[in-house]
């Protein structure tokens, strides 16, 4: 994502290069960059999971810089939330469903 935000070329998706179809995350970097630039509609049109990705990235970036005790406590709370809600599985299944819908051309 850093290359995209800096306006530098990135590299091609290895999944797409190997199989000839986009992977579930294809377009996510572009959509995240558009989100950071305030282009919300374009971002959602490029990849609907960009807001989830950006929020997750920002939470991780915030937690990394916390003091050790606070970081451990925060990580435990997040892990507990994930266990109680199953949010990680829900997001991954949703991402795969979104990918199939994009492959079929409905979105």
C-alpha atoms as a PDB file:
ATOM      1  CA  UNK A   1       0.000   0.000   0.000  1.00  0.00           C
ATOM      2  CA  UNK A   2       2.928   2.304   0.682  1.00  0.00           C
ATOM      3  CA  UNK A   3       4.067   2.109  -2.933  1.00  0.00           C
ATOM      4  CA  UNK A   4       0.580   3.021  -4.148  1.00  0.00           C
ATOM      5  CA  UNK A   5       0.249   5.950  -1.756  1.00  0.00           C
ATOM      6  CA  UNK A   6       3.669   7.217  -2.862  1.00  0.00           C
ATOM      7  CA  UNK A   7       2.574   7.036  -6.510  1.00  0.00           C
ATOM      8  CA  UNK A   8       5.075   4.291  -7.309  1.00  0.00           C
ATOM      9  CA  UNK A   9       4.316   1.186  -9.345  1.00  0.00           C
ATOM     10  CA  UNK A  10       3.696  -2.004  -7.411  1.00  0.00           C
ATOM     11  CA  UNK A  11       3.850  -5.584  -8.563  1.00  0.00           C
ATOM     12  CA  UNK A  12       1.277  -7.757 -10.258  1.00  0.00           C
ATOM     13  CA  UNK A  13      -0.902 -10.084  -8.201  1.00  0.00           C
ATOM     14  CA  UNK A  14       0.768 -13.530  -8.222  1.00  0.00           C
ATOM     15  CA  UNK A  15      -2.643 -15.241  -7.956  1.00  0.00           C
ATOM     16  CA  UNK A  16      -3.903 -13.407 -11.034  1.00  0.00           C
ATOM     17  CA  UNK A  17      -0.654 -14.080 -12.891  1.00  0.00           C
ATOM     18  CA  UNK A  18      -0.863 -17.788 -12.076  1.00  0.00           C
ATOM     19  CA  UNK A  19      -4.591 -18.468 -12.497  1.00  0.00           C
ATOM     20  CA  UNK A  20      -5.708 -15.628 -14.767  1.00  0.00           C
ATOM     21  CA  UNK A  21      -8.429 -14.415 -12.389  1.00  0.00           C
ATOM     22  CA  UNK A  22      -8.213 -11.744  -9.696  1.00  0.00           C
ATOM     23  CA  UNK A  23      -7.725 -12.862  -6.099  1.00  0.00           C
ATOM     24  CA  UNK A  24     -10.176 -11.868  -3.335  1.00  0.00           C
ATOM     25  CA  UNK A  25      -7.927  -8.947  -2.406  1.00  0.00           C
ATOM     26  CA  UNK A  26      -7.279  -7.595  -5.901  1.00  0.00           C
ATOM     27  CA  UNK A  27      -8.061  -3.888  -5.906  1.00  0.00           C
ATOM     28  CA  UNK A  28      -7.873  -3.610  -2.123  1.00  0.00           C
ATOM     29  CA  UNK A  29      -4.676  -1.546  -2.157  1.00  0.00           C
ATOM     30  CA  UNK A  30      -6.075   0.842  -4.751  1.00  0.00           C
ATOM     31  CA  UNK A  31      -9.367   1.124  -2.858  1.00  0.00           C
ATOM     32  CA  UNK A  32      -7.537   1.771   0.428  1.00  0.00           C
ATOM     33  CA  UNK A  33      -5.477   4.489  -1.221  1.00  0.00           C
ATOM     34  CA  UNK A  34      -8.627   6.069  -2.602  1.00  0.00           C
ATOM     35  CA  UNK A  35     -10.131   5.962   0.883  1.00  0.00           C
ATOM     36  CA  UNK A  36      -7.077   7.724   2.350  1.00  0.00           C
ATOM     37  CA  UNK A  37      -7.465  10.392  -0.351  1.00  0.00           C
ATOM     38  CA  UNK A  38     -11.116  10.955   0.545  1.00  0.00           C
ATOM     39  CA  UNK A  39     -12.538   9.306  -2.565  1.00  0.00           C
ATOM     40  CA  UNK A  40     -15.091   7.234  -0.650  1.00  0.00           C
ATOM     41  CA  UNK A  41     -17.400   6.352  -3.532  1.00  0.00           C
ATOM     42  CA  UNK A  42     -14.535   5.345  -5.820  1.00  0.00           C
ATOM     43  CA  UNK A  43     -13.029   3.295  -2.999  1.00  0.00           C
ATOM     44  CA  UNK A  44     -16.221   1.326  -2.394  1.00  0.00           C
ATOM     45  CA  UNK A  45     -16.644   0.815  -6.127  1.00  0.00           C
ATOM     46  CA  UNK A  46     -13.090  -0.539  -6.420  1.00  0.00           C
ATOM     47  CA  UNK A  47     -13.336  -2.911  -3.429  1.00  0.00           C
ATOM     48  CA  UNK A  48     -16.116  -2.920  -0.828  1.00  0.00           C
ATOM     49  CA  UNK A  49     -13.833  -4.256   1.906  1.00  0.00           C
ATOM     50  CA  UNK A  50     -11.483  -1.262   1.861  1.00  0.00           C
ATOM     51  CA  UNK A  51     -13.063   0.420   4.927  1.00  0.00           C
ATOM     52  CA  UNK A  52     -12.757  -2.814   6.928  1.00  0.00           C
ATOM     53  CA  UNK A  53      -9.153  -3.247   5.823  1.00  0.00           C
ATOM     54  CA  UNK A  54      -8.225   0.361   6.627  1.00  0.00           C
ATOM     55  CA  UNK A  55      -9.907   0.245  10.061  1.00  0.00           C
ATOM     56  CA  UNK A  56      -8.137  -3.024  10.896  1.00  0.00           C
ATOM     57  CA  UNK A  57      -4.826  -1.606   9.725  1.00  0.00           C
ATOM     58  CA  UNK A  58      -5.265   1.537  11.820  1.00  0.00           C
ATOM     59  CA  UNK A  59      -6.173  -0.482  14.927  1.00  0.00           C
ATOM     60  CA  UNK A  60      -3.073  -2.666  14.476  1.00  0.00           C
ATOM     61  CA  UNK A  61      -0.862   0.375  13.906  1.00  0.00           C
ATOM     62  CA  UNK A  62      -2.250   1.993  17.062  1.00  0.00           C
ATOM     63  CA  UNK A  63      -1.799  -1.134  19.196  1.00  0.00           C
ATOM     64  CA  UNK A  64       1.790  -1.670  18.042  1.00  0.00           C
ATOM     65  CA  UNK A  65       2.854   1.635  19.566  1.00  0.00           C
ATOM     66  CA  UNK A  66       1.174   1.148  22.941  1.00  0.00           C
ATOM     67  CA  UNK A  67       3.329   0.450  25.995  1.00  0.00           C
ATOM     68  CA  UNK A  68       3.785  -3.291  26.581  1.00  0.00           C
ATOM     69  CA  UNK A  69       1.219  -3.711  29.385  1.00  0.00           C
ATOM     70  CA  UNK A  70      -1.458  -1.744  27.545  1.00  0.00           C
ATOM     71  CA  UNK A  71      -0.640  -3.553  24.292  1.00  0.00           C
ATOM     72  CA  UNK A  72      -1.019  -6.977  25.936  1.00  0.00           C
ATOM     73  CA  UNK A  73      -4.282  -5.938  27.564  1.00  0.00           C
ATOM     74  CA  UNK A  74      -5.651  -4.541  24.312  1.00  0.00           C
ATOM     75  CA  UNK A  75      -4.634  -7.644  22.368  1.00  0.00           C
ATOM     76  CA  UNK A  76      -6.397  -9.848  24.941  1.00  0.00           C
ATOM     77  CA  UNK A  77      -9.567  -7.748  24.675  1.00  0.00           C
ATOM     78  CA  UNK A  78      -9.506  -7.881  20.885  1.00  0.00           C
ATOM     79  CA  UNK A  79      -8.907 -11.660  20.951  1.00  0.00           C
ATOM     80  CA  UNK A  80     -11.818 -12.071  23.372  1.00  0.00           C
ATOM     81  CA  UNK A  81     -14.054 -10.006  21.113  1.00  0.00           C
ATOM     82  CA  UNK A  82     -13.031 -12.140  18.121  1.00  0.00           C
ATOM     83  CA  UNK A  83     -13.773 -15.378  20.030  1.00  0.00           C
ATOM     84  CA  UNK A  84     -17.168 -14.150  21.261  1.00  0.00           C
ATOM     85  CA  UNK A  85     -18.396 -12.776  17.950  1.00  0.00           C
ATOM     86  CA  UNK A  86     -16.615 -14.875  15.315  1.00  0.00           C
ATOM     87  CA  UNK A  87     -16.024 -11.616  13.453  1.00  0.00           C
ATOM     88  CA  UNK A  88     -12.854 -12.850  11.750  1.00  0.00           C
ATOM     89  CA  UNK A  89     -14.609 -15.871  10.247  1.00  0.00           C
ATOM     90  CA  UNK A  90     -17.574 -13.729   9.252  1.00  0.00           C
ATOM     91  CA  UNK A  91     -15.356 -11.210   7.450  1.00  0.00           C
ATOM     92  CA  UNK A  92     -13.374 -13.935   5.664  1.00  0.00           C
ATOM     93  CA  UNK A  93     -16.508 -15.774   4.510  1.00  0.00           C
ATOM     94  CA  UNK A  94     -18.013 -12.447   3.409  1.00  0.00           C
ATOM     95  CA  UNK A  95     -14.837 -11.609   1.497  1.00  0.00           C
ATOM     96  CA  UNK A  96     -14.967 -14.938  -0.338  1.00  0.00           C
ATOM     97  CA  UNK A  97     -18.653 -14.439  -1.165  1.00  0.00           C
ATOM     98  CA  UNK A  98     -17.892 -10.915  -2.422  1.00  0.00           C
ATOM     99  CA  UNK A  99     -15.048 -12.347  -4.532  1.00  0.00           C
ATOM    100  CA  UNK A 100     -17.368 -14.894  -6.168  1.00  0.00           C
ATOM    101  CA  UNK A 101     -19.951 -12.178  -6.846  1.00  0.00           C
ATOM    102  CA  UNK A 102     -17.243 -10.035  -8.467  1.00  0.00           C
ATOM    103  CA  UNK A 103     -16.034 -12.986 -10.584  1.00  0.00           C
ATOM    104  CA  UNK A 104     -19.554 -13.643 -11.835  1.00  0.00           C
ATOM    105  CA  UNK A 105     -19.855  -9.954 -12.712  1.00  0.00           C
ATOM    106  CA  UNK A 106     -22.771  -9.012 -10.491  1.00  0.00           C
ATOM    107  CA  UNK A 107     -20.763  -6.181  -8.909  1.00  0.00           C
END
